Amino acid sequence: MNRLKEVIKSKGLKNTYICSKMELHPSILSGYIKGTRKPNQERLKQLSRILNTSVEKLYPQAIKRRITIYEI
């Protein structure tokens, strides 16, 4: 499950602020929030820094994917 929306709301931030910090079009961030797009590792790191949280909190399944990739 994607917790991005919850974290953004709990931090009291606006999507426009996050987009400007990441130099990201609002529709891309909206896709991340809705789950129709998946951010790459660099974008995940940017989001976690801006939101002052861990990648794992934003995308708990990211750890499972990383482990699976490295095990192959």
Protein backbone atom coordinates (compact mmCIF):
# COMPACT_ATOMS: atom_id res chain seq x y z
CA MET A 1 0.00 0.00 0.00
CA ASN A 2 1.11 3.52 -0.82
CA ARG A 3 1.16 5.76 2.25
CA LEU A 4 2.39 8.85 0.45
CA LYS A 5 -0.90 10.73 0.70
CA GLU A 6 -1.15 10.07 4.45
CA VAL A 7 2.40 11.25 5.10
CA ILE A 8 2.01 14.42 3.01
CA LYS A 9 -1.19 15.26 4.91
CA SER A 10 0.35 14.53 8.31
CA LYS A 11 3.29 16.83 7.53
CA GLY A 12 0.91 19.62 6.51
CA LEU A 13 2.57 20.04 3.12
CA LYS A 14 1.02 20.95 -0.21
CA ASN A 15 1.56 18.92 -3.35
CA THR A 16 2.69 22.09 -5.14
CA TYR A 17 5.48 22.55 -2.57
CA ILE A 18 6.70 18.99 -3.06
CA CYS A 19 6.55 19.33 -6.84
CA SER A 20 8.59 22.53 -6.78
CA LYS A 21 11.22 20.96 -4.52
CA MET A 22 11.50 17.91 -6.79
CA GLU A 23 11.11 19.83 -10.07
CA LEU A 24 8.26 17.49 -10.83
CA HIS A 25 5.05 18.03 -12.81
CA PRO A 26 1.99 17.85 -10.53
CA SER A 27 0.45 15.05 -12.61
CA ILE A 28 3.44 12.83 -11.87
CA LEU A 29 3.14 13.36 -8.11
CA SER A 30 -0.58 12.74 -8.40
CA GLY A 31 0.20 9.44 -10.11
CA TYR A 32 2.52 8.48 -7.25
CA ILE A 33 -0.21 9.30 -4.74
CA LYS A 34 -2.93 7.40 -6.64
CA GLY A 35 -0.65 4.45 -7.30
CA THR A 36 -0.86 4.71 -11.08
CA ARG A 37 2.85 5.59 -11.27
CA LYS A 38 5.83 4.26 -9.35
CA PRO A 39 8.73 6.55 -8.47
CA ASN A 40 12.24 5.32 -9.23
CA GLN A 41 14.82 4.99 -6.45
CA GLU A 42 16.08 8.56 -6.83
CA ARG A 43 12.55 9.98 -6.62
CA LEU A 44 11.84 7.81 -3.57
CA LYS A 45 14.93 9.21 -1.87
CA GLN A 46 13.88 12.77 -2.74
CA LEU A 47 10.39 12.21 -1.38
CA SER A 48 11.68 10.71 1.84
CA ARG A 49 14.08 13.64 2.37
CA ILE A 50 11.43 16.28 1.68
CA LEU A 51 8.93 14.51 3.93
CA ASN A 52 11.56 13.71 6.56
CA THR A 53 10.59 10.05 6.67
CA SER A 54 11.89 6.71 5.48
CA VAL A 55 11.28 5.15 2.08
CA GLU A 56 9.91 2.14 3.94
CA LYS A 57 7.21 4.25 5.57
CA LEU A 58 6.15 5.68 2.20
CA TYR A 59 6.30 2.39 0.31
CA PRO A 60 6.55 -0.63 2.63
CA GLN A 61 6.61 -2.96 -0.38
CA ALA A 62 9.80 -1.26 -1.67
CA ILE A 63 11.91 -3.33 0.71
CA LYS A 64 10.35 -6.57 -0.53
CA ARG A 65 11.02 -5.59 -4.16
CA ARG A 66 14.64 -4.68 -3.43
CA ILE A 67 15.28 -7.98 -1.65
CA THR A 68 13.69 -9.92 -4.50
CA ILE A 69 15.79 -8.11 -7.10
CA TYR A 70 19.06 -8.76 -5.27
CA GLU A 71 18.24 -12.40 -4.61
CA ILE A 72 17.86 -13.16 -8.30
